PDB file of N, CA and C in Angstrom:
ATOM      1  N   MET A   1      44.641 102.955 230.881  1.00  0.00           N
ATOM      2  CA  MET A   1      45.738 102.490 230.053  1.00  0.00           C
ATOM      3  C   MET A   1      45.153 101.827 228.804  1.00  0.00           C
ATOM      4  N   SER A   2      45.859 101.972 227.721  1.00  0.00           N
ATOM      5  CA  SER A   2      45.433 101.400 226.448  1.00  0.00           C
ATOM      6  C   SER A   2      46.571 100.590 225.838  1.00  0.00           C
ATOM      7  N   MET A   3      46.198  99.671 224.973  1.00  0.00           N
ATOM      8  CA  MET A   3      47.179  98.837 224.288  1.00  0.00           C
ATOM      9  C   MET A   3      47.392  99.403 222.882  1.00  0.00           C
ATOM     10  N   TYR A   4      48.669  99.534 222.506  1.00  0.00           N
ATOM     11  CA  TYR A   4      49.057 100.025 221.189  1.00  0.00           C
ATOM     12  C   TYR A   4      50.030  99.033 220.566  1.00  0.00           C
ATOM     13  N   ALA A   5      50.079  99.024 219.258  1.00  0.00           N
ATOM     14  CA  ALA A   5      51.030  98.169 218.547  1.00  0.00           C
ATOM     15  C   ALA A   5      51.987  99.041 217.759  1.00  0.00           C
ATOM     16  N   MET A   6      53.270  98.761 217.911  1.00  0.00           N
ATOM     17  CA  MET A   6      54.311  99.444 217.143  1.00  0.00           C
ATOM     18  C   MET A   6      54.729  98.494 216.028  1.00  0.00           C
ATOM     19  N   HIS A   7      54.562  98.921 214.797  1.00  0.00           N
ATOM     20  CA  HIS A   7      54.955  98.122 213.641  1.00  0.00           C
ATOM     21  C   HIS A   7      56.198  98.752 213.022  1.00  0.00           C
ATOM     22  N   TYR A   8      57.169  97.910 212.685  1.00  0.00           N
ATOM     23  CA  TYR A   8      58.351  98.428 212.008  1.00  0.00           C
ATOM     24  C   TYR A   8      58.963  97.339 211.132  1.00  0.00           C
ATOM     25  N   ARG A   9      59.776  97.777 210.193  1.00  0.00           N
ATOM     26  CA  ARG A   9      60.488  96.859 209.313  1.00  0.00           C
ATOM     27  C   ARG A   9      61.977  96.973 209.628  1.00  0.00           C
ATOM     28  N   ALA A  10      62.587  95.827 209.922  1.00  0.00           N
ATOM     29  CA  ALA A  10      64.020  95.799 210.226  1.00  0.00           C
ATOM     30  C   ALA A  10      64.824  95.977 208.943  1.00  0.00           C
ATOM     31  N   ALA A  11      66.098  96.242 209.098  1.00  0.00           N
ATOM     32  CA  ALA A  11      66.974  96.428 207.938  1.00  0.00           C
ATOM     33  C   ALA A  11      66.993  95.195 207.044  1.00  0.00           C
ATOM     34  N   SER A  12      66.744  94.028 207.621  1.00  0.00           N
ATOM     35  CA  SER A  12      66.726  92.783 206.848  1.00  0.00           C
ATOM     36  C   SER A  12      65.457  92.652 206.009  1.00  0.00           C
ATOM     37  N   GLY A  13      64.476  93.534 206.236  1.00  0.00           N
ATOM     38  CA  GLY A  13      63.215  93.488 205.503  1.00  0.00           C
ATOM     39  C   GLY A  13      62.103  92.765 206.247  1.00  0.00           C
ATOM     40  N   VAL A  14      62.422  92.178 207.390  1.00  0.00           N
ATOM     41  CA  VAL A  14      61.432  91.445 208.185  1.00  0.00           C
ATOM     42  C   VAL A  14      60.573  92.437 208.964  1.00  0.00           C
ATOM     43  N   ARG A  15      59.261  92.208 208.936  1.00  0.00           N
ATOM     44  CA  ARG A  15      58.340  93.067 209.683  1.00  0.00           C
ATOM     45  C   ARG A  15      58.221  92.575 211.121  1.00  0.00           C
ATOM     46  N   HIS A  16      58.126  93.526 212.050  1.00  0.00           N
ATOM     47  CA  HIS A  16      58.002  93.210 213.471  1.00  0.00           C
ATOM     48  C   HIS A  16      56.869  94.020 214.073  1.00  0.00           C
ATOM     49  N   THR A  17      56.283  93.477 215.146  1.00  0.00           N
ATOM     50  CA  THR A  17      55.267  94.183 215.915  1.00  0.00           C
ATOM     51  C   THR A  17      55.600  94.062 217.390  1.00  0.00           C
ATOM     52  N   LEU A  18      55.587  95.188 218.085  1.00  0.00           N
ATOM     53  CA  LEU A  18      55.766  95.218 219.534  1.00  0.00           C
ATOM     54  C   LEU A  18      54.511  95.820 220.142  1.00  0.00           C
ATOM     55  N   HIS A  19      54.064  95.287 221.261  1.00  0.00           N
ATOM     56  CA  HIS A  19      52.899  95.828 221.951  1.00  0.00           C
ATOM     57  C   HIS A  19      53.360  96.765 223.052  1.00  0.00           C
ATOM     58  N   ILE A  20      52.672  97.901 223.154  1.00  0.00           N
ATOM     59  CA  ILE A  20      53.012  98.941 224.119  1.00  0.00           C
ATOM     60  C   ILE A  20      51.767  99.266 224.934  1.00  0.00           C
ATOM     61  N   LEU A  21      51.895  99.283 226.245  1.00  0.00           N
ATOM     62  CA  LEU A  21      50.822  99.699 227.140  1.00  0.00           C
ATOM     63  C   LEU A  21      51.111 101.143 227.547  1.00  0.00           C
ATOM     64  N   ALA A  22      50.194 102.048 227.212  1.00  0.00           N
ATOM     65  CA  ALA A  22      50.422 103.468 227.474  1.00  0.00           C
ATOM     66  C   ALA A  22      49.115 104.162 227.826  1.00  0.00           C
ATOM     67  N   SER A  23      49.229 105.335 228.407  1.00  0.00           N
ATOM     68  CA  SER A  23      48.043 106.079 228.843  1.00  0.00           C
ATOM     69  C   SER A  23      47.331 106.788 227.690  1.00  0.00           C
ATOM     70  N   CYS A  24      48.070 107.106 226.621  1.00  0.00           N
ATOM     71  CA  CYS A  24      47.468 107.790 225.475  1.00  0.00           C
ATOM     72  C   CYS A  24      48.342 107.567 224.243  1.00  0.00           C
ATOM     73  N   MET A  25      47.849 107.970 223.081  1.00  0.00           N
ATOM     74  CA  MET A  25      48.582 107.773 221.833  1.00  0.00           C
ATOM     75  C   MET A  25      49.924 108.504 221.860  1.00  0.00           C
ATOM     76  N   ARG A  26      49.946 109.689 222.430  1.00  0.00           N
ATOM     77  CA  ARG A  26      51.206 110.446 222.495  1.00  0.00           C
ATOM     78  C   ARG A  26      52.257 109.686 223.309  1.00  0.00           C
ATOM     79  N   ALA A  27      51.846 109.114 224.432  1.00  0.00           N
ATOM     80  CA  ALA A  27      52.768 108.340 225.264  1.00  0.00           C
ATOM     81  C   ALA A  27      53.235 107.091 224.515  1.00  0.00           C
ATOM     82  N   ALA A  28      52.351 106.491 223.728  1.00  0.00           N
ATOM     83  CA  ALA A  28      52.732 105.316 222.931  1.00  0.00           C
ATOM     84  C   ALA A  28      53.757 105.705 221.870  1.00  0.00           C
ATOM     85  N   TYR A  29      53.556 106.853 221.200  1.00  0.00           N
ATOM     86  CA  TYR A  29      54.537 107.329 220.219  1.00  0.00           C
ATOM     87  C   TYR A  29      55.879 107.635 220.887  1.00  0.00           C
ATOM     88  N   ASP A  30      55.842 108.230 222.074  1.00  0.00           N
ATOM     89  CA  ASP A  30      57.084 108.511 222.798  1.00  0.00           C
ATOM     90  C   ASP A  30      57.835 107.221 223.107  1.00  0.00           C
ATOM     91  N   ALA A  31      57.112 106.197 223.555  1.00  0.00           N
ATOM     92  CA  ALA A  31      57.731 104.905 223.855  1.00  0.00           C
ATOM     93  C   ALA A  31      58.286 104.263 222.584  1.00  0.00           C
ATOM     94  N   ALA A  32      57.524 104.336 221.493  1.00  0.00           N
ATOM     95  CA  ALA A  32      57.979 103.764 220.221  1.00  0.00           C
ATOM     96  C   ALA A  32      59.228 104.492 219.718  1.00  0.00           C
ATOM     97  N   PHE A  33      59.255 105.805 219.878  1.00  0.00           N
ATOM     98  CA  PHE A  33      60.424 106.576 219.456  1.00  0.00           C
ATOM     99  C   PHE A  33      61.649 106.171 220.273  1.00  0.00           C
ATOM    100  N   ASP A  34      61.455 105.988 221.585  1.00  0.00           N
ATOM    101  CA  ASP A  34      62.568 105.547 222.438  1.00  0.00           C
ATOM    102  C   ASP A  34      63.098 104.184 221.991  1.00  0.00           C
ATOM    103  N   ILE A  35      62.194 103.274 221.658  1.00  0.00           N
ATOM    104  CA  ILE A  35      62.595 101.944 221.174  1.00  0.00           C
ATOM    105  C   ILE A  35      63.363 102.080 219.864  1.00  0.00           C
ATOM    106  N   ALA A  36      62.857 102.902 218.952  1.00  0.00           N
ATOM    107  CA  ALA A  36      63.501 103.078 217.651  1.00  0.00           C
ATOM    108  C   ALA A  36      64.889 103.704 217.792  1.00  0.00           C
ATOM    109  N   GLU A  37      65.062 104.604 218.746  1.00  0.00           N
ATOM    110  CA  GLU A  37      66.377 105.205 218.980  1.00  0.00           C
ATOM    111  C   GLU A  37      67.399 104.176 219.457  1.00  0.00           C
ATOM    112  N   GLN A  38      66.942 103.192 220.220  1.00  0.00           N
ATOM    113  CA  GLN A  38      67.835 102.167 220.757  1.00  0.00           C
ATOM    114  C   GLN A  38      68.176 101.106 219.716  1.00  0.00           C
ATOM    115  N   GLN A  39      67.382 101.011 218.657  1.00  0.00           N
ATOM    116  CA  GLN A  39      67.591 100.020 217.604  1.00  0.00           C
ATOM    117  C   GLN A  39      67.978 100.750 216.323  1.00  0.00           C
ATOM    118  N   PRO A  40      69.243 100.922 216.033  1.00  0.00           N
ATOM    119  CA  PRO A  40      69.664 101.733 214.886  1.00  0.00           C
ATOM    120  C   PRO A  40      69.234 101.171 213.536  1.00  0.00           C
ATOM    121  N   ARG A  41      68.790  99.944 213.480  1.00  0.00           N
ATOM    122  CA  ARG A  41      68.391  99.356 212.198  1.00  0.00           C
ATOM    123  C   ARG A  41      66.911  99.544 211.879  1.00  0.00           C
ATOM    124  N   ILE A  42      66.213 100.308 212.689  1.00  0.00           N
ATOM    125  CA  ILE A  42      64.798 100.638 212.425  1.00  0.00           C
ATOM    126  C   ILE A  42      64.774 101.950 211.672  1.00  0.00           C
ATOM    127  N   GLY A  43      64.284 101.917 210.447  1.00  0.00           N
ATOM    128  CA  GLY A  43      64.232 103.124 209.648  1.00  0.00           C
ATOM    129  C   GLY A  43      62.996 103.948 209.894  1.00  0.00           C
ATOM    130  N   GLY A  44      61.913 103.317 210.235  1.00  0.00           N
ATOM    131  CA  GLY A  44      60.652 104.011 210.476  1.00  0.00           C
ATOM    132  C   GLY A  44      59.694 103.079 211.181  1.00  0.00           C
ATOM    133  N   PHE A  45      58.638 103.655 211.754  1.00  0.00           N
ATOM    134  CA  PHE A  45      57.683 102.833 212.482  1.00  0.00           C
ATOM    135  C   PHE A  45      56.323 103.498 212.453  1.00  0.00           C
ATOM    136  N   SER A  46      55.294 102.739 212.807  1.00  0.00           N
ATOM    137  CA  SER A  46      53.966 103.278 212.957  1.00  0.00           C
ATOM    138  C   SER A  46      53.401 102.749 214.271  1.00  0.00           C
ATOM    139  N   VAL A  47      52.436 103.475 214.833  1.00  0.00           N
ATOM    140  CA  VAL A  47      51.787 103.067 216.064  1.00  0.00           C
ATOM    141  C   VAL A  47      50.285 103.027 215.812  1.00  0.00           C
ATOM    142  N   GLU A  48      49.666 101.944 216.254  1.00  0.00           N
ATOM    143  CA  GLU A  48      48.239 101.720 216.033  1.00  0.00           C
ATOM    144  C   GLU A  48      47.573 101.443 217.369  1.00  0.00           C
ATOM    145  N   GLY A  49      46.436 102.066 217.616  1.00  0.00           N
ATOM    146  CA  GLY A  49      45.671 101.797 218.837  1.00  0.00           C
ATOM    147  C   GLY A  49      44.939 100.483 218.705  1.00  0.00           C
ATOM    148  N   LEU A  50      44.998  99.644 219.753  1.00  0.00           N
ATOM    149  CA  LEU A  50      44.352  98.333 219.706  1.00  0.00           C
ATOM    150  C   LEU A  50      43.122  98.274 220.606  1.00  0.00           C
ATOM    151  N   ALA A  51      43.270  98.617 221.882  1.00  0.00           N
ATOM    152  CA  ALA A  51      42.154  98.505 222.824  1.00  0.00           C
ATOM    153  C   ALA A  51      42.397  99.445 223.986  1.00  0.00           C
ATOM    154  N   SER A  52      41.327  99.860 224.616  1.00  0.00           N
ATOM    155  CA  SER A  52      41.463 100.708 225.799  1.00  0.00           C
ATOM    156  C   SER A  52      40.663 100.101 226.942  1.00  0.00           C
ATOM    157  N   ALA A  53      41.119 100.392 228.141  1.00  0.00           N
ATOM    158  CA  ALA A  53      40.456  99.842 229.327  1.00  0.00           C
ATOM    159  C   ALA A  53      39.738 100.941 230.081  1.00  0.00           C
TER     160      ALA A  53
END
């Protein structure tokens, strides 16, 4: 499992970071996409790899 960070900017202009634990970058993007779908005020996001175990 690896740690990833999802960065996004809310509609208010405030930047946010969420940490995601996933098996690979693709799984982290899938999780980030699911989060973004649930939050209609997220216009876009990026995912960054932080550490792997």
